Amino acid sequence: MVYTFIFMAIPNLVIYFTEINNLGIFLFILRFFMKNGFSMLIPLTSELYPTLIRTTGYGVASSIGRIGAFTSAFIIFPLFYI
């Protein structure tokens, strides 16, 4: 899992220092390693906590994620036109 997170850091650094033309390729690579890292992280952490805490945490995280997705449209689109 450490190697996966290291391989997630490398495309982030490359994206920071390169031009916008290569952005799609490096974002694709970054997304691959992110999905790989979190697919290993979720089963590991789900076995550490009891069911009540896991379901409560999943519900809170899901609701905060949906609230963030809803409000981001009102923030991003005005910024895009600026």
C-alpha atoms as a PDB file:
ATOM      1  CA  MET A   1       0.000   0.000   0.000  1.00  0.00           C
ATOM      2  CA  VAL A   2       2.931   2.320   0.635  1.00  0.00           C
ATOM      3  CA  TYR A   3       4.132   1.797  -2.929  1.00  0.00           C
ATOM      4  CA  THR A   4       0.714   2.689  -4.259  1.00  0.00           C
ATOM      5  CA  PHE A   5       0.665   5.948  -2.306  1.00  0.00           C
ATOM      6  CA  ILE A   6       4.180   6.742  -3.517  1.00  0.00           C
ATOM      7  CA  PHE A   7       3.048   6.108  -7.085  1.00  0.00           C
ATOM      8  CA  MET A   8       0.130   8.456  -6.410  1.00  0.00           C
ATOM      9  CA  ALA A   9       2.546  11.197  -5.354  1.00  0.00           C
ATOM     10  CA  ILE A  10       4.684  10.952  -8.499  1.00  0.00           C
ATOM     11  CA  PRO A  11       1.942  11.932 -11.014  1.00  0.00           C
ATOM     12  CA  ASN A  12       0.880  14.733  -8.664  1.00  0.00           C
ATOM     13  CA  LEU A  13       4.366  16.193  -8.783  1.00  0.00           C
ATOM     14  CA  VAL A  14       4.598  15.730 -12.538  1.00  0.00           C
ATOM     15  CA  ILE A  15       1.228  17.460 -13.013  1.00  0.00           C
ATOM     16  CA  TYR A  16       2.426  20.353 -10.894  1.00  0.00           C
ATOM     17  CA  PHE A  17       5.564  20.930 -12.955  1.00  0.00           C
ATOM     18  CA  THR A  18       4.383  20.172 -16.516  1.00  0.00           C
ATOM     19  CA  GLU A  19       2.314  22.002 -19.079  1.00  0.00           C
ATOM     20  CA  ILE A  20      -1.418  21.668 -19.488  1.00  0.00           C
ATOM     21  CA  ASN A  21      -1.024  19.554 -22.668  1.00  0.00           C
ATOM     22  CA  ASN A  22       0.020  16.458 -20.686  1.00  0.00           C
ATOM     23  CA  LEU A  23      -2.630  16.861 -18.019  1.00  0.00           C
ATOM     24  CA  GLY A  24      -5.021  14.161 -19.263  1.00  0.00           C
ATOM     25  CA  ILE A  25      -2.397  11.431 -19.375  1.00  0.00           C
ATOM     26  CA  PHE A  26      -1.096  12.084 -15.893  1.00  0.00           C
ATOM     27  CA  LEU A  27      -4.600  12.425 -14.438  1.00  0.00           C
ATOM     28  CA  PHE A  28      -5.452   9.036 -15.944  1.00  0.00           C
ATOM     29  CA  ILE A  29      -2.371   7.492 -14.328  1.00  0.00           C
ATOM     30  CA  LEU A  30      -3.145   9.222 -11.033  1.00  0.00           C
ATOM     31  CA  ARG A  31      -6.731   7.985 -11.063  1.00  0.00           C
ATOM     32  CA  PHE A  32      -5.531   4.412 -11.644  1.00  0.00           C
ATOM     33  CA  PHE A  33      -3.245   4.481  -8.614  1.00  0.00           C
ATOM     34  CA  MET A  34      -5.868   6.215  -6.480  1.00  0.00           C
ATOM     35  CA  LYS A  35      -8.439   3.517  -7.230  1.00  0.00           C
ATOM     36  CA  ASN A  36      -5.832   0.858  -6.559  1.00  0.00           C
ATOM     37  CA  GLY A  37      -4.808   2.399  -3.237  1.00  0.00           C
ATOM     38  CA  PHE A  38      -8.320   2.894  -1.953  1.00  0.00           C
ATOM     39  CA  SER A  39      -9.416  -0.568  -3.092  1.00  0.00           C
ATOM     40  CA  MET A  40      -6.759  -1.940  -0.708  1.00  0.00           C
ATOM     41  CA  LEU A  41      -7.495   0.580   2.038  1.00  0.00           C
ATOM     42  CA  ILE A  42     -11.255   0.026   2.332  1.00  0.00           C
ATOM     43  CA  PRO A  43     -11.166  -3.710   3.226  1.00  0.00           C
ATOM     44  CA  LEU A  44      -8.313  -3.078   5.650  1.00  0.00           C
ATOM     45  CA  THR A  45     -10.126  -0.383   7.594  1.00  0.00           C
ATOM     46  CA  SER A  46     -13.535  -2.029   7.474  1.00  0.00           C
ATOM     47  CA  GLU A  47     -12.331  -4.901   9.639  1.00  0.00           C
ATOM     48  CA  LEU A  48     -10.942  -2.662  12.391  1.00  0.00           C
ATOM     49  CA  TYR A  49     -14.211  -1.194  13.671  1.00  0.00           C
ATOM     50  CA  PRO A  50     -17.509  -2.716  14.822  1.00  0.00           C
ATOM     51  CA  THR A  51     -20.535  -2.646  12.539  1.00  0.00           C
ATOM     52  CA  LEU A  52     -22.330   0.216  14.303  1.00  0.00           C
ATOM     53  CA  ILE A  53     -19.369   2.568  13.966  1.00  0.00           C
ATOM     54  CA  ARG A  54     -18.747   1.533  10.347  1.00  0.00           C
ATOM     55  CA  THR A  55     -22.335   2.179   9.259  1.00  0.00           C
ATOM     56  CA  THR A  56     -22.496   5.507  11.067  1.00  0.00           C
ATOM     57  CA  GLY A  57     -19.202   6.606   9.552  1.00  0.00           C
ATOM     58  CA  TYR A  58     -20.254   5.502   6.091  1.00  0.00           C
ATOM     59  CA  GLY A  59     -23.536   7.388   6.371  1.00  0.00           C
ATOM     60  CA  VAL A  60     -21.878  10.591   7.591  1.00  0.00           C
ATOM     61  CA  ALA A  61     -19.172  10.422   4.921  1.00  0.00           C
ATOM     62  CA  SER A  62     -21.729   9.764   2.206  1.00  0.00           C
ATOM     63  CA  SER A  63     -23.921  12.678   3.262  1.00  0.00           C
ATOM     64  CA  ILE A  64     -20.988  15.089   3.494  1.00  0.00           C
ATOM     65  CA  GLY A  65     -19.818  13.960   0.057  1.00  0.00           C
ATOM     66  CA  ARG A  66     -23.245  14.580  -1.440  1.00  0.00           C
ATOM     67  CA  ILE A  67     -23.508  17.995   0.197  1.00  0.00           C
ATOM     68  CA  GLY A  68     -20.060  18.864  -1.175  1.00  0.00           C
ATOM     69  CA  ALA A  69     -21.018  17.679  -4.661  1.00  0.00           C
ATOM     70  CA  PHE A  70     -24.218  19.738  -4.534  1.00  0.00           C
ATOM     71  CA  THR A  71     -22.571  22.954  -3.378  1.00  0.00           C
ATOM     72  CA  SER A  72     -19.510  22.666  -5.602  1.00  0.00           C
ATOM     73  CA  ALA A  73     -21.567  23.531  -8.686  1.00  0.00           C
ATOM     74  CA  PHE A  74     -22.506  26.884  -7.158  1.00  0.00           C
ATOM     75  CA  ILE A  75     -18.849  27.605  -6.408  1.00  0.00           C
ATOM     76  CA  ILE A  76     -17.056  26.218  -9.457  1.00  0.00           C
ATOM     77  CA  PHE A  77     -19.204  27.634 -12.269  1.00  0.00           C
ATOM     78  CA  PRO A  78     -18.908  31.288 -11.180  1.00  0.00           C
ATOM     79  CA  LEU A  79     -15.162  30.795 -10.714  1.00  0.00           C
ATOM     80  CA  PHE A  80     -14.933  29.246 -14.170  1.00  0.00           C
ATOM     81  CA  TYR A  81     -16.372  32.348 -15.805  1.00  0.00           C
ATOM     82  CA  ILE A  82     -14.005  34.654 -13.907  1.00  0.00           C
END
